[in-house]
Amino acid sequence: MNHQNHIIQDPIYWDFKSIPVDQFRDRVRFFNEHAQELSQLEYHIWVDIKFWYIHALFEMGSYHKLLLLVDKLIEEIVIDNIDVQDVEDAFEELLYKKAASLYNTDQHYEATDILRQLIKINPQAEIYQQLYKKARYAIPNEKTLRIRSLSLLLLILVVPLLCIELVVINTLFPFYSDIFMWFRILLISGGLSIFLGLEYMRIRAVENEIKSILK
């Protein structure tokens, strides 16, 4: 259903649309002040306006408010097959905005579920894959946390060891200085190696997940 084929006469519609699309706060303010009047417009026009209202909320970072509204709008667009003016695929855009909003409100599991769908729908869209990676990396993992803690512990041990070396060893037992120096190097190397190895394995795991989704 497309409302671009006839002229829309309602002045309040054009009042809203006359606000530049990048003036997000003005659009949100206008919508909030005239929501009752706007809701009286033809159904497909009202859906169009709600899309651009949600777009403005997203750009403003009002993710919680967006999440309260977006499911209903997705349902309306899909069930009633409504096109949004100047938008190629409103359904896909809303799904992405929902996923990004979930990510930005620390709902990472939910975000990855939607992003899997989006990657299947549009495998060429790198933005979906990039956000999927971020969301997956943000999900806590007990094994990962333990390994990170070990890496951090090795690096932290370098500090007291260096203090002991400077205050005690270099003064009273200088012949042990080389041993302490190499021990410090081993701790630093071990801590960094564990951390970098862990991050490499996590990156590879997520890359393999994406390949599996694309199959």
Protein backbone atom coordinates (compact mmCIF):
# COMPACT_ATOMS: atom_id res chain seq x y z
CA MET A 1 0.00 0.00 0.00
CA ASN A 2 1.63 3.24 -1.08
CA HIS A 3 0.41 6.73 -0.35
CA GLN A 4 2.88 8.46 -2.66
CA ASN A 5 0.46 8.19 -5.58
CA HIS A 6 -1.93 10.89 -4.33
CA ILE A 7 -1.55 14.31 -2.80
CA ILE A 8 -1.94 14.40 0.97
CA GLN A 9 -4.08 17.36 1.93
CA ASP A 10 -3.79 17.33 5.73
CA PRO A 11 -1.91 20.50 6.84
CA ILE A 12 -0.63 18.94 10.04
CA TYR A 13 1.06 16.21 8.01
CA TRP A 14 2.95 18.82 6.02
CA ASP A 15 3.74 20.75 9.19
CA PHE A 16 5.50 17.65 10.46
CA LYS A 17 7.18 16.83 7.15
CA SER A 18 8.36 20.41 6.71
CA ILE A 19 10.67 19.96 9.70
CA PRO A 20 14.06 18.93 8.22
CA VAL A 21 14.68 15.24 8.69
CA ASP A 22 17.93 15.91 10.58
CA GLN A 23 16.25 18.16 13.14
CA PHE A 24 15.38 15.25 15.36
CA ARG A 25 14.45 17.14 18.52
CA ASP A 26 12.08 19.41 16.63
CA ARG A 27 10.35 16.43 15.05
CA VAL A 28 10.03 14.64 18.37
CA ARG A 29 8.72 17.78 20.04
CA PHE A 30 6.15 18.36 17.28
CA PHE A 31 5.00 14.75 17.43
CA ASN A 32 4.61 14.81 21.20
CA GLU A 33 2.68 18.08 21.11
CA HIS A 34 0.33 16.99 18.30
CA ALA A 35 0.13 13.21 18.77
CA GLN A 36 -3.66 13.28 19.17
CA GLU A 37 -4.20 15.25 15.96
CA LEU A 38 -1.67 13.20 14.01
CA SER A 39 -3.31 9.97 15.08
CA GLN A 40 -6.54 11.12 13.41
CA LEU A 41 -4.92 11.14 9.97
CA GLU A 42 -5.43 8.31 7.50
CA TYR A 43 -3.97 5.10 8.88
CA HIS A 44 -1.13 4.75 6.36
CA ILE A 45 -0.15 8.41 6.86
CA TRP A 46 -0.12 7.94 10.63
CA VAL A 47 2.15 4.91 10.22
CA ASP A 48 4.49 6.94 8.01
CA ILE A 49 4.72 9.69 10.63
CA LYS A 50 5.36 7.18 13.41
CA PHE A 51 8.24 5.73 11.40
CA TRP A 52 9.94 9.13 11.17
CA TYR A 53 9.20 9.81 14.83
CA ILE A 54 10.95 6.56 15.77
CA HIS A 55 13.79 7.47 13.41
CA ALA A 56 14.22 10.75 15.29
CA LEU A 57 14.13 8.97 18.66
CA PHE A 58 16.86 6.63 17.47
CA GLU A 59 19.10 9.45 16.27
CA MET A 60 18.60 11.25 19.59
CA GLY A 61 19.59 8.14 21.54
CA SER A 62 16.14 7.69 23.12
CA TYR A 63 16.51 3.92 22.93
CA HIS A 64 14.23 2.96 25.80
CA LYS A 65 11.34 4.97 24.39
CA LEU A 66 11.95 3.56 20.93
CA LEU A 67 11.77 0.01 22.27
CA LEU A 68 8.36 0.72 23.76
CA LEU A 69 6.98 1.67 20.34
CA VAL A 70 8.87 -0.17 17.64
CA ASP A 71 7.24 -3.62 17.86
CA LYS A 72 3.78 -2.22 17.24
CA LEU A 73 4.98 -0.25 14.24
CA ILE A 74 6.79 -3.27 12.77
CA GLU A 75 3.59 -5.27 13.14
CA GLU A 76 1.54 -2.58 11.39
CA ILE A 77 3.98 -2.27 8.49
CA VAL A 78 4.22 -6.03 7.94
CA ILE A 79 0.59 -7.05 8.44
CA ASP A 80 -0.90 -4.14 6.51
CA ASN A 81 1.89 -4.02 3.92
CA ILE A 82 2.46 -0.28 4.32
CA ASP A 83 5.20 1.56 2.48
CA VAL A 84 6.98 4.46 4.15
CA GLN A 85 7.74 7.44 1.99
CA ASP A 86 11.42 7.76 0.96
CA VAL A 87 12.35 4.48 2.68
CA GLU A 88 13.40 1.44 0.64
CA ASP A 89 12.63 -1.18 3.30
CA ALA A 90 10.96 0.15 6.44
CA PHE A 91 10.72 -3.31 8.02
CA GLU A 92 14.46 -3.90 7.74
CA GLU A 93 15.31 -0.42 9.00
CA LEU A 94 13.07 -0.78 12.03
CA LEU A 95 14.54 -4.18 12.86
CA TYR A 96 18.02 -2.68 12.73
CA LYS A 97 17.00 0.26 14.91
CA LYS A 98 15.47 -2.16 17.40
CA ALA A 99 18.63 -4.31 17.45
CA ALA A 100 20.88 -1.27 17.86
CA SER A 101 18.66 0.08 20.63
CA LEU A 102 18.78 -3.27 22.44
CA TYR A 103 22.57 -3.23 22.11
CA ASN A 104 22.78 0.32 23.45
CA THR A 105 20.63 -0.61 26.45
CA ASP A 106 22.85 -3.63 27.26
CA GLN A 107 20.33 -6.22 26.05
CA HIS A 108 22.96 -8.04 24.05
CA TYR A 109 21.36 -11.47 23.79
CA GLU A 110 18.18 -9.96 22.36
CA ALA A 111 20.18 -7.80 19.96
CA THR A 112 22.08 -10.79 18.55
CA ASP A 113 18.82 -12.68 17.95
CA ILE A 114 17.49 -9.87 15.74
CA LEU A 115 20.83 -9.32 14.03
CA ARG A 116 20.93 -12.99 13.01
CA GLN A 117 17.63 -12.43 11.20
CA LEU A 118 18.94 -9.28 9.54
CA ILE A 119 22.12 -10.96 8.35
CA LYS A 120 20.00 -13.67 6.73
CA ILE A 121 17.66 -11.09 5.18
CA ASN A 122 20.48 -8.93 3.82
CA PRO A 123 23.87 -10.72 3.81
CA GLN A 124 25.49 -7.81 1.96
CA ALA A 125 24.86 -5.27 4.74
CA GLU A 126 28.15 -5.04 6.62
CA ILE A 127 26.56 -2.84 9.29
CA TYR A 128 24.52 -5.81 10.55
CA GLN A 129 27.56 -8.03 10.81
CA GLN A 130 29.59 -5.35 12.58
CA LEU A 131 26.90 -4.76 15.18
CA TYR A 132 26.48 -8.52 15.63
CA LYS A 133 30.19 -8.78 16.44
CA LYS A 134 29.95 -5.98 18.99
CA ALA A 135 26.91 -7.52 20.64
CA ARG A 136 28.51 -10.96 20.80
CA TYR A 137 31.74 -9.58 22.28
CA ALA A 138 29.71 -7.77 24.93
CA ILE A 139 27.96 -10.92 26.15
CA PRO A 140 29.65 -12.10 29.37
CA ASN A 141 31.20 -15.55 29.34
CA GLU A 142 32.40 -17.24 32.51
CA LYS A 143 35.37 -18.91 30.86
CA THR A 144 36.39 -15.67 29.17
CA LEU A 145 36.15 -13.76 32.44
CA ARG A 146 38.34 -16.32 34.24
CA ILE A 147 41.03 -16.16 31.56
CA ARG A 148 40.94 -12.36 31.53
CA SER A 149 41.29 -12.36 35.32
CA LEU A 150 44.37 -14.58 35.05
CA SER A 151 45.87 -12.27 32.44
CA LEU A 152 45.18 -9.22 34.60
CA LEU A 153 46.60 -10.92 37.69
CA LEU A 154 49.91 -11.63 35.92
CA LEU A 155 50.18 -8.01 34.84
CA ILE A 156 49.28 -6.70 38.31
CA LEU A 157 51.97 -8.88 39.92
CA VAL A 158 54.57 -6.94 37.97
CA VAL A 159 53.99 -3.84 40.15
CA PRO A 160 54.83 -5.32 43.59
CA LEU A 161 57.64 -7.30 42.02
CA LEU A 162 59.15 -4.11 40.62
CA CYS A 163 58.83 -2.39 44.00
CA ILE A 164 60.61 -5.27 45.72
CA GLU A 165 63.32 -5.17 43.09
CA LEU A 166 63.92 -1.43 43.46
CA VAL A 167 63.73 -1.25 47.25
CA VAL A 168 65.26 -4.55 48.32
CA ILE A 169 66.98 -6.48 45.57
CA ASN A 170 68.95 -3.65 43.93
CA THR A 171 70.09 -2.48 47.34
CA LEU A 172 70.80 -5.66 49.28
CA PHE A 173 70.98 -8.46 46.70
CA PRO A 174 72.07 -6.89 43.39
CA PHE A 175 73.23 -10.27 42.07
CA TYR A 176 69.52 -11.26 41.83
CA SER A 177 68.58 -8.24 39.72
CA ASP A 178 68.77 -10.09 36.40
CA ILE A 179 66.59 -12.91 37.70
CA PHE A 180 63.92 -10.45 38.83
CA MET A 181 64.13 -8.58 35.53
CA TRP A 182 63.51 -11.76 33.52
CA PHE A 183 60.74 -12.80 35.87
CA ARG A 184 59.03 -9.44 35.24
CA ILE A 185 59.41 -9.91 31.51
CA LEU A 186 57.88 -13.38 31.73
CA LEU A 187 54.91 -12.08 33.71
CA ILE A 188 54.27 -9.25 31.24
CA SER A 189 54.71 -11.54 28.23
CA GLY A 190 52.48 -14.20 29.77
CA GLY A 191 49.73 -11.75 30.68
CA LEU A 192 49.72 -10.09 27.25
CA SER A 193 49.93 -13.40 25.41
CA ILE A 194 46.96 -14.82 27.29
CA PHE A 195 44.91 -11.67 26.70
CA LEU A 196 45.75 -11.39 22.99
CA GLY A 197 45.25 -15.13 22.46
CA LEU A 198 41.85 -14.95 24.11
CA GLU A 199 40.75 -12.00 21.98
CA TYR A 200 41.95 -13.73 18.81
CA MET A 201 39.97 -16.86 19.66
CA ARG A 202 36.85 -14.80 20.40
CA ILE A 203 37.15 -12.96 17.08
CA ARG A 204 37.55 -16.24 15.19
CA ALA A 205 34.57 -17.77 17.01
CA VAL A 206 32.29 -14.87 16.10
CA GLU A 207 33.52 -14.87 12.49
CA ASN A 208 32.63 -18.56 12.30
CA GLU A 209 29.18 -17.82 13.73
CA ILE A 210 28.57 -15.27 10.98
CA LYS A 211 29.71 -17.75 8.31
CA SER A 212 27.30 -20.30 9.76
CA ILE A 213 24.43 -17.77 9.61
CA LEU A 214 25.22 -17.00 5.98
CA LYS A 215 25.13 -20.63 4.89
